[in-house]
Amino acid sequence: MRKTKKRRIRNRVLRFLFTLMLVFFIAFFLSGGIWLFHPRTWQNVGDMLPRLERQLPAIEDSEDKHTIGWTDRISRFIFLKRAVNSRVDRGSYVPLNEIPDSMKQAIVAVEESRFYSHHGFDLQGIARASLVNLQYGQIEEGASTITQQLVKNLFLSNEKSFGRKAEELALALDM
């Protein structure tokens, strides 16, 4: 009887500590601390984007220096288009305009119902996945949005680490 009581108390304490650590981690992640913890994330984002000087060598000759924001967006678009083209299997590729709207809506409905209400990452999905993973004591669910899945498939590895997840989140926000 005495051993089971000690075991129950120990389990409660461990569960409380685990919950406390999880809450701290979620607060840390949501406050942006993951970028402080993993500083090379932002450096890698810059390395992956094309250099403006290589894309537009005549920018110094331009009288209107305010076009950098516009040209930067074009450079990013060109970079993303090249990245997609380099990884697409042309044998099974179907252009977006040939996919029916009902199919696009069905994919968004099944994969991510809140696709149009966030900007690259889903806080509700992160909270849900965290609770499920806490309940099972291991990683059972992920919280990647369609944008994050695209970023992972185009630019990153399948490694399961917080560093890769932070890079995925930063790139998804940048898209």
Protein backbone atom coordinates (compact mmCIF):
# COMPACT_ATOMS: atom_id res chain seq x y z
CA MET A 1 0.00 0.00 0.00
CA ARG A 2 2.78 2.37 0.91
CA LYS A 3 4.72 1.74 -2.32
CA THR A 4 1.70 2.45 -4.50
CA LYS A 5 1.06 5.73 -2.66
CA LYS A 6 4.68 6.80 -3.18
CA ARG A 7 4.47 5.77 -6.82
CA ARG A 8 1.26 7.78 -7.31
CA ILE A 9 2.82 10.85 -5.72
CA ARG A 10 5.95 10.46 -7.85
CA ASN A 11 3.84 10.09 -11.01
CA ARG A 12 1.83 13.22 -10.15
CA VAL A 13 4.99 15.22 -9.53
CA LEU A 14 6.53 14.01 -12.79
CA ARG A 15 3.34 14.76 -14.70
CA PHE A 16 3.19 18.25 -13.15
CA LEU A 17 6.84 18.95 -14.03
CA PHE A 18 6.35 17.70 -17.57
CA THR A 19 3.24 19.87 -18.00
CA LEU A 20 5.09 22.87 -16.57
CA MET A 21 8.00 22.32 -18.97
CA LEU A 22 5.62 21.96 -21.91
CA VAL A 23 3.77 25.17 -21.02
CA PHE A 24 7.12 26.97 -20.68
CA PHE A 25 8.27 25.62 -24.06
CA ILE A 26 5.05 26.68 -25.79
CA ALA A 27 5.28 30.16 -24.26
CA PHE A 28 8.94 30.35 -25.28
CA PHE A 29 8.16 29.24 -28.83
CA LEU A 30 5.22 31.59 -29.23
CA SER A 31 7.20 34.54 -27.91
CA GLY A 32 9.78 34.07 -30.63
CA GLY A 33 12.42 32.62 -28.36
CA ILE A 34 13.11 29.78 -30.73
CA TRP A 35 14.94 32.23 -32.99
CA LEU A 36 17.09 33.37 -30.08
CA PHE A 37 17.77 29.75 -29.19
CA HIS A 38 18.61 28.83 -32.77
CA PRO A 39 20.27 31.95 -34.28
CA ARG A 40 21.37 30.37 -37.56
CA THR A 41 17.74 30.18 -38.71
CA TRP A 42 17.63 33.74 -40.03
CA GLN A 43 21.11 33.41 -41.53
CA ASN A 44 20.02 30.37 -43.53
CA VAL A 45 16.93 32.16 -44.80
CA GLY A 46 19.13 34.90 -46.22
CA ASP A 47 21.48 32.38 -47.84
CA MET A 48 18.60 30.61 -49.57
CA LEU A 49 17.24 33.75 -51.22
CA PRO A 50 18.85 35.05 -54.43
CA ARG A 51 21.21 37.99 -54.16
CA LEU A 52 19.73 41.15 -55.62
CA GLU A 53 23.08 42.19 -57.14
CA ARG A 54 23.22 39.00 -59.23
CA GLN A 55 19.62 39.30 -60.35
CA LEU A 56 19.65 43.01 -61.22
CA PRO A 57 23.22 44.28 -61.77
CA ALA A 58 22.01 47.65 -63.09
CA ILE A 59 20.24 48.66 -59.86
CA GLU A 60 22.99 51.20 -59.07
CA ASP A 61 22.35 52.93 -62.41
CA SER A 62 18.68 53.35 -61.65
CA GLU A 63 17.56 56.81 -60.58
CA ASP A 64 14.63 55.43 -58.60
CA LYS A 65 16.11 53.58 -55.60
CA HIS A 66 12.60 52.93 -54.20
CA THR A 67 12.07 49.97 -56.54
CA ILE A 68 14.07 47.63 -54.30
CA GLY A 69 10.95 46.38 -52.49
CA TRP A 70 9.28 45.64 -55.81
CA THR A 71 12.37 43.98 -57.31
CA ASP A 72 12.92 42.02 -54.11
CA ARG A 73 9.43 40.52 -54.43
CA ILE A 74 10.11 39.63 -58.06
CA SER A 75 13.45 38.04 -57.11
CA ARG A 76 11.75 35.94 -54.43
CA PHE A 77 9.05 34.88 -56.89
CA ILE A 78 11.68 33.87 -59.46
CA PHE A 79 13.60 31.99 -56.77
CA LEU A 80 10.49 30.08 -55.62
CA LYS A 81 9.49 29.29 -59.21
CA ARG A 82 12.96 27.89 -59.93
CA ALA A 83 12.91 25.86 -56.71
CA VAL A 84 9.53 24.36 -57.59
CA ASN A 85 10.57 23.64 -61.18
CA SER A 86 13.74 21.87 -60.05
CA ARG A 87 11.80 19.49 -57.79
CA VAL A 88 8.66 18.81 -59.82
CA ASP A 89 8.31 15.41 -61.48
CA ARG A 90 7.24 16.43 -64.97
CA GLY A 91 5.72 13.01 -65.68
CA SER A 92 3.04 13.42 -63.01
CA TYR A 93 2.84 17.23 -63.03
CA VAL A 94 -0.54 18.87 -63.64
CA PRO A 95 -0.60 22.66 -64.08
CA LEU A 96 -2.61 24.51 -61.45
CA ASN A 97 -5.05 25.98 -63.97
CA GLU A 98 -6.00 22.43 -65.10
CA ILE A 99 -6.99 21.35 -61.57
CA PRO A 100 -10.72 21.95 -60.95
CA ASP A 101 -11.64 24.45 -58.24
CA SER A 102 -13.62 21.78 -56.40
CA MET A 103 -10.46 19.65 -56.15
CA LYS A 104 -8.44 22.58 -54.77
CA GLN A 105 -11.17 23.30 -52.22
CA ALA A 106 -11.34 19.63 -51.23
CA ILE A 107 -7.58 19.47 -50.67
CA VAL A 108 -7.65 22.58 -48.50
CA ALA A 109 -10.69 21.27 -46.58
CA VAL A 110 -9.03 17.91 -45.85
CA GLU A 111 -5.47 19.10 -45.25
CA GLU A 112 -6.07 22.37 -43.42
CA SER A 113 -9.44 23.95 -42.78
CA ARG A 114 -7.93 27.23 -41.47
CA PHE A 115 -5.68 27.76 -44.52
CA TYR A 116 -7.17 31.14 -45.41
CA SER A 117 -7.20 32.48 -41.84
CA HIS A 118 -3.48 32.46 -40.99
CA HIS A 119 -0.21 33.64 -42.49
CA GLY A 120 1.86 30.47 -42.78
CA PHE A 121 1.50 28.84 -39.36
CA ASP A 122 -1.50 27.81 -37.29
CA LEU A 123 -1.42 28.48 -33.54
CA GLN A 124 -4.51 26.33 -32.94
CA GLY A 125 -2.85 23.45 -34.79
CA ILE A 126 0.34 23.85 -32.76
CA ALA A 127 -1.65 23.84 -29.50
CA ARG A 128 -3.70 20.81 -30.57
CA ALA A 129 -0.64 18.83 -31.64
CA SER A 130 1.19 19.77 -28.42
CA LEU A 131 -1.69 18.52 -26.29
CA VAL A 132 -1.95 15.24 -28.21
CA ASN A 133 1.82 14.72 -28.02
CA LEU A 134 1.72 15.49 -24.28
CA GLN A 135 -1.12 13.03 -23.80
CA TYR A 136 0.75 10.20 -25.55
CA GLY A 137 4.18 11.16 -24.24
CA GLN A 138 5.73 11.09 -27.72
CA ILE A 139 5.36 12.81 -31.07
CA GLU A 140 2.08 11.55 -32.51
CA GLU A 141 0.94 14.58 -34.49
CA GLY A 142 2.55 17.51 -36.25
CA ALA A 143 1.22 20.99 -36.76
CA SER A 144 2.57 21.81 -40.21
CA THR A 145 0.40 23.92 -42.45
CA ILE A 146 0.25 23.44 -46.22
CA THR A 147 2.70 26.33 -46.55
CA GLN A 148 5.11 24.71 -44.08
CA GLN A 149 4.85 21.38 -45.91
CA LEU A 150 5.69 23.12 -49.19
CA VAL A 151 8.71 24.82 -47.59
CA LYS A 152 9.90 21.53 -46.09
CA ASN A 153 9.56 19.66 -49.38
CA LEU A 154 11.26 22.39 -51.42
CA PHE A 155 14.08 23.59 -49.17
CA LEU A 156 14.57 21.46 -46.07
CA SER A 157 15.26 17.89 -44.99
CA ASN A 158 12.84 15.51 -43.27
CA GLU A 159 14.85 15.77 -40.04
CA LYS A 160 12.66 15.99 -36.93
CA SER A 161 14.23 18.74 -34.84
CA PHE A 162 13.20 22.06 -33.37
CA GLY A 163 15.86 23.81 -35.45
CA ARG A 164 14.44 22.51 -38.72
CA LYS A 165 10.93 23.36 -37.51
CA ALA A 166 12.07 26.93 -36.75
CA GLU A 167 13.59 27.23 -40.23
CA GLU A 168 10.36 25.87 -41.72
CA LEU A 169 8.31 28.40 -39.77
CA ALA A 170 10.56 31.32 -40.76
CA LEU A 171 10.46 30.39 -44.45
CA ALA A 172 6.69 29.85 -44.34
CA LEU A 173 6.24 33.32 -42.87
CA ASP A 174 8.50 34.72 -45.58
CA MET A 175 6.41 33.16 -48.34
